[in-house]
N, C-alpha and C. Protein backbone atom coordinates (compact mmCIF):
# COMPACT_ATOMS: atom_id res chain seq x y z
N MET A 1 -9.88 11.75 2.94
CA MET A 1 -8.50 11.67 2.37
C MET A 1 -7.97 10.23 2.83
N ALA A 2 -7.51 9.62 1.83
CA ALA A 2 -6.78 8.44 1.97
C ALA A 2 -5.50 8.42 2.59
N LYS A 3 -5.06 7.60 3.52
CA LYS A 3 -3.75 7.74 4.21
C LYS A 3 -3.03 6.39 3.83
N PHE A 4 -1.77 6.51 3.54
CA PHE A 4 -0.83 5.41 3.22
C PHE A 4 0.37 5.36 3.97
N LEU A 5 0.86 4.13 4.32
CA LEU A 5 2.12 4.02 4.79
C LEU A 5 3.02 3.29 3.70
N ALA A 6 3.79 4.03 3.07
CA ALA A 6 4.64 3.64 1.80
C ALA A 6 5.80 2.99 2.49
N ASP A 7 6.04 1.60 2.17
CA ASP A 7 7.18 0.98 2.49
C ASP A 7 8.52 1.57 2.00
N GLU A 8 9.49 1.07 2.43
CA GLU A 8 10.91 1.55 1.95
C GLU A 8 11.11 1.16 0.54
N ASN A 9 10.50 0.24 -0.07
CA ASN A 9 10.72 -0.36 -1.35
C ASN A 9 9.84 0.54 -2.51
N ILE A 10 9.20 1.56 -2.08
CA ILE A 10 8.28 2.47 -2.83
C ILE A 10 9.26 3.61 -3.29
N ALA A 11 9.21 3.79 -4.47
CA ALA A 11 9.96 4.95 -5.01
C ALA A 11 9.54 6.38 -4.39
N ARG A 12 10.34 7.24 -4.37
CA ARG A 12 10.14 8.50 -3.64
C ARG A 12 9.19 9.31 -4.73
N LYS A 13 9.47 9.01 -6.15
CA LYS A 13 8.50 9.67 -7.01
C LYS A 13 7.11 9.38 -7.01
N LEU A 14 6.77 7.99 -6.59
CA LEU A 14 5.52 7.64 -6.40
C LEU A 14 5.01 8.16 -5.13
N VAL A 15 5.72 8.29 -4.04
CA VAL A 15 5.31 9.14 -2.94
C VAL A 15 4.74 10.55 -3.08
N VAL A 16 5.74 11.29 -3.87
CA VAL A 16 5.48 12.70 -4.22
C VAL A 16 4.18 12.68 -4.91
N ALA A 17 4.13 11.70 -5.97
CA ALA A 17 3.02 11.79 -6.76
C ALA A 17 1.65 11.60 -6.06
N LEU A 18 1.70 10.57 -5.18
CA LEU A 18 0.54 10.36 -4.49
C LEU A 18 0.29 11.59 -3.61
N LYS A 19 1.17 12.23 -2.93
CA LYS A 19 0.85 13.61 -2.20
C LYS A 19 0.17 14.54 -3.12
N LYS A 20 0.69 14.70 -4.43
CA LYS A 20 0.16 15.70 -5.34
C LYS A 20 -1.23 15.28 -5.62
N ALA A 21 -1.64 14.06 -5.68
CA ALA A 21 -2.86 13.46 -6.09
C ALA A 21 -4.03 13.65 -4.81
N GLY A 22 -3.37 14.31 -3.66
CA GLY A 22 -4.32 14.42 -2.68
C GLY A 22 -4.22 13.37 -1.49
N ALA A 23 -3.44 12.43 -1.58
CA ALA A 23 -3.27 11.36 -0.55
C ALA A 23 -2.35 11.82 0.65
N GLU A 24 -2.60 11.36 1.78
CA GLU A 24 -1.67 11.52 2.97
C GLU A 24 -0.81 10.31 3.07
N VAL A 25 0.60 10.62 2.95
CA VAL A 25 1.46 9.37 2.68
C VAL A 25 2.64 9.69 3.82
N THR A 26 3.00 8.54 4.55
CA THR A 26 4.00 8.53 5.45
C THR A 26 5.01 7.55 4.76
N TRP A 27 6.14 7.99 4.40
CA TRP A 27 7.13 7.15 3.76
C TRP A 27 8.10 6.67 4.72
N VAL A 28 8.16 5.34 4.94
CA VAL A 28 8.86 4.61 6.03
C VAL A 28 10.49 5.26 5.97
N PRO A 29 11.09 5.36 4.88
CA PRO A 29 12.24 5.97 4.89
C PRO A 29 12.40 7.34 5.77
N ASN A 30 11.50 8.09 5.86
CA ASN A 30 11.45 9.33 6.45
C ASN A 30 11.08 9.37 7.88
N THR A 31 10.89 8.04 8.49
CA THR A 31 10.49 7.89 9.70
C THR A 31 11.66 7.18 10.68
N LYS A 32 11.39 6.92 11.87
CA LYS A 32 12.28 6.14 12.80
C LYS A 32 12.21 4.62 12.40
N TYR A 33 11.21 4.28 11.54
CA TYR A 33 10.87 2.88 11.42
C TYR A 33 11.53 2.22 10.17
N ARG A 34 12.69 2.80 9.63
CA ARG A 34 13.50 2.31 8.62
C ARG A 34 14.03 0.99 9.04
N SER A 35 13.88 -0.07 8.30
CA SER A 35 14.29 -1.43 8.46
C SER A 35 13.48 -2.17 9.66
N ALA A 36 12.35 -1.60 10.01
CA ALA A 36 11.43 -2.02 10.80
C ALA A 36 10.80 -3.54 10.38
N SER A 37 10.48 -4.34 11.25
CA SER A 37 9.75 -5.60 10.68
C SER A 37 8.40 -5.35 10.08
N ASP A 38 7.89 -6.36 9.36
CA ASP A 38 6.62 -6.21 8.78
C ASP A 38 5.61 -6.06 9.79
N LYS A 39 5.63 -6.77 10.85
CA LYS A 39 4.76 -6.84 11.87
C LYS A 39 4.46 -5.36 12.51
N THR A 40 5.80 -4.70 12.86
CA THR A 40 5.89 -3.28 13.34
C THR A 40 5.08 -2.36 12.26
N LEU A 41 5.35 -2.55 11.09
CA LEU A 41 4.87 -1.67 10.01
C LEU A 41 3.32 -1.83 9.99
N ILE A 42 2.79 -3.04 10.10
CA ILE A 42 1.44 -3.34 10.15
C ILE A 42 0.79 -2.76 11.37
N GLY A 43 1.51 -2.65 12.35
CA GLY A 43 0.96 -2.13 13.78
C GLY A 43 0.74 -0.65 13.57
N ILE A 44 1.71 0.07 12.88
CA ILE A 44 1.68 1.39 12.58
C ILE A 44 0.52 1.72 11.76
N ALA A 45 0.44 0.91 10.70
CA ALA A 45 -0.68 1.09 9.75
C ALA A 45 -2.14 0.99 10.39
N ASN A 46 -2.32 -0.14 11.07
CA ASN A 46 -3.52 -0.31 11.80
C ASN A 46 -3.87 0.76 12.68
N ALA A 47 -2.86 1.25 13.56
CA ALA A 47 -3.14 2.27 14.50
C ALA A 47 -3.55 3.54 13.97
N ASN A 48 -3.21 3.96 12.67
CA ASN A 48 -3.34 5.17 12.21
C ASN A 48 -4.37 5.00 10.95
N GLY A 49 -4.86 3.90 10.63
CA GLY A 49 -5.95 3.78 9.53
C GLY A 49 -5.34 3.96 8.08
N MET A 50 -4.17 3.41 8.06
CA MET A 50 -3.37 3.66 6.91
C MET A 50 -3.27 2.37 6.11
N PHE A 51 -3.52 2.49 4.72
CA PHE A 51 -3.19 1.41 3.84
C PHE A 51 -1.77 1.19 3.74
N ILE A 52 -1.28 -0.11 3.60
CA ILE A 52 0.08 -0.30 3.26
C ILE A 52 0.35 -0.37 1.91
N LEU A 53 1.32 0.44 1.41
CA LEU A 53 1.71 0.37 -0.07
C LEU A 53 3.03 -0.13 -0.05
N THR A 54 3.27 -1.31 -0.88
CA THR A 54 4.50 -1.94 -0.87
C THR A 54 4.80 -2.79 -2.20
N LYS A 55 5.97 -3.07 -2.18
CA LYS A 55 6.48 -4.12 -3.34
C LYS A 55 6.79 -5.37 -2.54
N ASP A 56 6.68 -5.38 -1.29
CA ASP A 56 7.10 -6.73 -0.59
C ASP A 56 5.98 -7.72 -0.45
N ARG A 57 6.11 -8.63 -1.12
CA ARG A 57 5.11 -9.90 -1.21
C ARG A 57 4.64 -10.38 0.13
N ASP A 58 5.45 -10.24 1.19
CA ASP A 58 5.13 -10.78 2.55
C ASP A 58 3.89 -10.19 3.03
N PHE A 59 3.56 -8.97 2.81
CA PHE A 59 2.34 -8.32 3.17
C PHE A 59 1.01 -8.99 2.68
N ILE A 60 1.13 -9.70 1.60
CA ILE A 60 -0.11 -10.16 1.11
C ILE A 60 -0.33 -11.66 1.30
N GLU A 61 0.79 -12.11 2.17
CA GLU A 61 0.62 -13.53 2.65
C GLU A 61 -0.50 -13.72 3.71
N PRO A 62 -1.08 -14.98 3.86
CA PRO A 62 -2.00 -15.13 4.69
C PRO A 62 -1.72 -14.72 6.02
N GLY A 63 -0.73 -14.97 6.64
CA GLY A 63 -0.47 -14.72 8.09
C GLY A 63 -0.55 -13.18 8.27
N ASN A 64 0.05 -12.44 7.37
CA ASN A 64 0.05 -10.90 7.53
C ASN A 64 -1.38 -10.39 7.09
N ARG A 65 -2.04 -10.83 6.18
CA ARG A 65 -3.41 -10.37 5.76
C ARG A 65 -4.43 -10.49 6.90
N ARG A 66 -4.28 -11.42 7.87
CA ARG A 66 -5.11 -11.77 8.91
C ARG A 66 -4.99 -10.59 9.98
N ILE A 67 -3.92 -9.83 10.02
CA ILE A 67 -3.67 -8.86 11.16
C ILE A 67 -3.83 -7.46 10.54
N ILE A 68 -3.83 -7.21 9.26
CA ILE A 68 -3.87 -6.13 8.60
C ILE A 68 -5.41 -5.55 8.74
N THR A 69 -5.65 -4.30 9.01
CA THR A 69 -7.13 -3.93 9.24
C THR A 69 -7.64 -2.89 8.29
N THR A 70 -6.68 -2.39 7.45
CA THR A 70 -7.26 -1.34 6.64
C THR A 70 -7.02 -2.00 5.21
N GLY A 71 -6.17 -2.29 4.54
CA GLY A 71 -5.86 -2.73 3.29
C GLY A 71 -4.48 -2.64 2.79
N VAL A 72 -4.16 -3.27 1.73
CA VAL A 72 -2.83 -3.29 1.13
C VAL A 72 -2.78 -3.13 -0.45
N VAL A 73 -1.99 -2.26 -0.82
CA VAL A 73 -1.81 -2.12 -2.29
C VAL A 73 -0.26 -2.67 -2.58
N TYR A 74 -0.30 -3.79 -3.05
CA TYR A 74 0.97 -4.45 -3.44
C TYR A 74 1.19 -4.12 -5.04
N LEU A 75 2.36 -3.53 -5.20
CA LEU A 75 2.94 -3.29 -6.61
C LEU A 75 3.88 -4.44 -6.93
N ALA A 76 3.29 -5.23 -7.88
CA ALA A 76 4.03 -6.48 -8.35
C ALA A 76 4.88 -6.21 -9.67
N MET A 77 5.21 -4.99 -9.89
CA MET A 77 5.80 -4.60 -11.04
C MET A 77 6.72 -3.26 -10.80
N ASP A 78 7.54 -3.03 -11.69
CA ASP A 78 8.21 -1.51 -11.69
C ASP A 78 7.32 -0.81 -12.56
N MET A 79 7.27 0.47 -12.10
CA MET A 79 6.49 1.54 -12.93
C MET A 79 7.35 2.18 -13.81
N PRO A 80 6.99 2.32 -15.11
CA PRO A 80 7.65 3.37 -16.02
C PRO A 80 7.38 4.72 -15.51
N GLU A 81 8.49 5.52 -15.69
CA GLU A 81 8.51 6.79 -15.22
C GLU A 81 7.21 7.56 -15.65
N ASP A 82 6.75 7.44 -16.91
CA ASP A 82 5.63 8.20 -17.49
C ASP A 82 4.34 7.73 -16.93
N SER A 83 4.34 6.53 -16.23
CA SER A 83 3.05 6.22 -15.65
C SER A 83 2.79 6.41 -14.13
N ILE A 84 3.77 6.99 -13.60
CA ILE A 84 3.77 7.13 -12.20
C ILE A 84 2.66 8.09 -11.74
N ALA A 85 2.41 9.20 -12.29
CA ALA A 85 1.53 10.10 -11.91
C ALA A 85 -0.03 9.46 -12.14
N GLU A 86 -0.23 8.76 -13.24
CA GLU A 86 -1.48 8.22 -13.53
C GLU A 86 -1.83 7.10 -12.29
N LEU A 87 -0.75 6.28 -11.97
CA LEU A 87 -0.83 5.32 -11.00
C LEU A 87 -1.17 5.88 -9.70
N ALA A 88 -0.58 6.94 -9.20
CA ALA A 88 -0.82 7.66 -8.06
C ALA A 88 -2.28 8.23 -8.15
N GLY A 89 -2.62 8.80 -9.10
CA GLY A 89 -4.02 9.41 -9.24
C GLY A 89 -5.10 8.20 -9.05
N ALA A 90 -4.80 7.12 -9.59
CA ALA A 90 -5.69 5.97 -9.50
C ALA A 90 -5.80 5.39 -8.17
N ILE A 91 -4.79 5.39 -7.62
CA ILE A 91 -4.52 4.88 -6.25
C ILE A 91 -5.29 5.73 -5.14
N ALA A 92 -5.11 7.00 -5.24
CA ALA A 92 -5.47 7.94 -4.34
C ALA A 92 -6.98 8.19 -4.57
N VAL A 93 -7.61 8.17 -5.80
CA VAL A 93 -9.11 8.32 -5.88
C VAL A 93 -9.72 7.05 -5.52
N HIS A 94 -9.27 5.78 -5.66
CA HIS A 94 -9.96 4.58 -5.42
C HIS A 94 -9.72 4.07 -4.01
N ALA A 95 -8.86 4.66 -3.28
CA ALA A 95 -8.41 4.14 -1.93
C ALA A 95 -9.64 3.81 -1.04
N LYS A 96 -10.36 4.68 -0.92
CA LYS A 96 -11.46 4.65 0.10
C LYS A 96 -12.36 3.40 -0.17
N SER A 97 -12.68 3.22 -1.42
CA SER A 97 -13.45 1.95 -1.83
C SER A 97 -12.64 0.59 -1.72
N LEU A 98 -11.35 0.80 -1.45
CA LEU A 98 -10.76 -0.56 -1.19
C LEU A 98 -10.49 -0.77 0.24
N GLN A 99 -11.18 -0.21 1.29
CA GLN A 99 -11.05 -0.63 2.63
C GLN A 99 -11.23 -2.02 2.65
N GLY A 100 -10.42 -2.86 3.37
CA GLY A 100 -10.56 -4.22 3.70
C GLY A 100 -10.16 -5.12 2.38
N LYS A 101 -9.38 -4.51 1.51
CA LYS A 101 -9.10 -5.24 0.38
C LYS A 101 -7.58 -5.39 0.21
N VAL A 102 -7.27 -6.27 -0.64
CA VAL A 102 -5.71 -6.41 -1.02
C VAL A 102 -5.83 -6.06 -2.68
N VAL A 103 -5.05 -5.10 -3.07
CA VAL A 103 -4.89 -4.71 -4.46
C VAL A 103 -3.73 -5.33 -4.94
N ILE A 104 -3.69 -5.95 -5.92
CA ILE A 104 -2.35 -6.59 -6.46
C ILE A 104 -2.25 -5.99 -7.93
N MET A 105 -1.20 -5.08 -8.07
CA MET A 105 -0.95 -4.46 -9.33
C MET A 105 0.06 -4.87 -10.20
N ALA A 106 -0.17 -5.66 -11.36
CA ALA A 106 0.87 -6.18 -12.05
C ALA A 106 0.78 -5.43 -13.52
N SER A 107 1.80 -5.73 -14.31
CA SER A 107 1.96 -4.93 -15.48
C SER A 107 0.78 -5.02 -16.53
N GLN A 108 0.12 -6.07 -16.51
CA GLN A 108 -1.00 -6.33 -17.32
C GLN A 108 -2.30 -6.28 -16.71
N HIS A 109 -2.49 -6.51 -15.43
CA HIS A 109 -3.74 -6.47 -14.80
C HIS A 109 -3.69 -6.04 -13.29
N THR A 110 -4.90 -5.88 -12.81
CA THR A 110 -4.94 -5.49 -11.38
C THR A 110 -5.94 -6.56 -10.72
N LEU A 111 -5.66 -6.97 -9.68
CA LEU A 111 -6.48 -8.14 -8.96
C LEU A 111 -7.04 -7.42 -7.66
N ILE A 112 -8.10 -7.43 -7.29
CA ILE A 112 -8.61 -6.98 -6.10
C ILE A 112 -9.31 -8.10 -5.31
N GLU A 113 -8.83 -8.38 -4.05
CA GLU A 113 -9.26 -9.43 -3.48
C GLU A 113 -9.75 -8.97 -1.88
N GLU A 114 -10.75 -9.74 -1.24
CA GLU A 114 -10.73 -9.34 0.20
C GLU A 114 -9.59 -9.56 1.03
N LEU A 115 -9.38 -8.63 1.93
CA LEU A 115 -8.19 -8.83 2.81
C LEU A 115 -8.12 -10.16 3.68
N HIS A 116 -9.32 -10.31 4.26
CA HIS A 116 -9.37 -11.69 4.95
C HIS A 116 -10.12 -12.73 4.29
N PHE A 117 -9.60 -13.75 4.18
CA PHE A 117 -10.18 -15.06 3.66
C PHE A 117 -11.32 -15.60 4.69
N PRO A 118 -12.41 -15.93 4.21
CA PRO A 118 -13.54 -16.41 5.12
C PRO A 118 -12.89 -17.72 5.70
N ASN A 119 -13.37 -17.93 7.10
CA ASN A 119 -12.80 -19.34 7.70
C ASN A 119 -13.62 -20.35 7.08
N LEU A 120 -12.94 -21.37 6.55
CA LEU A 120 -13.68 -22.46 5.84
C LEU A 120 -13.68 -23.67 6.99
């Protein structure tokens, strides 16, 4: 089962939908880590084998990508209400195959990249 650390900027409806789709989700607002730094959240996700689910672009910046060990799902758009269940199902089903990846989901496309860039 895929495990996620859902950032504070993720809507409660998506968290609930992910849980219904079978994912294990820890939502930051329900923890003592509300308003914690990105580095703190990365540490929690790494220690617990969780993917980070966020709308915060900072998590896909190179400095943070270097220290994330599981993966990031970055939502670069707002989800229409009628698409939340479908999105949650897709994330939950494909999460295991996204180990070590960054998934950038935008309104018209999804981009999947390696989490760590090769050293050049």
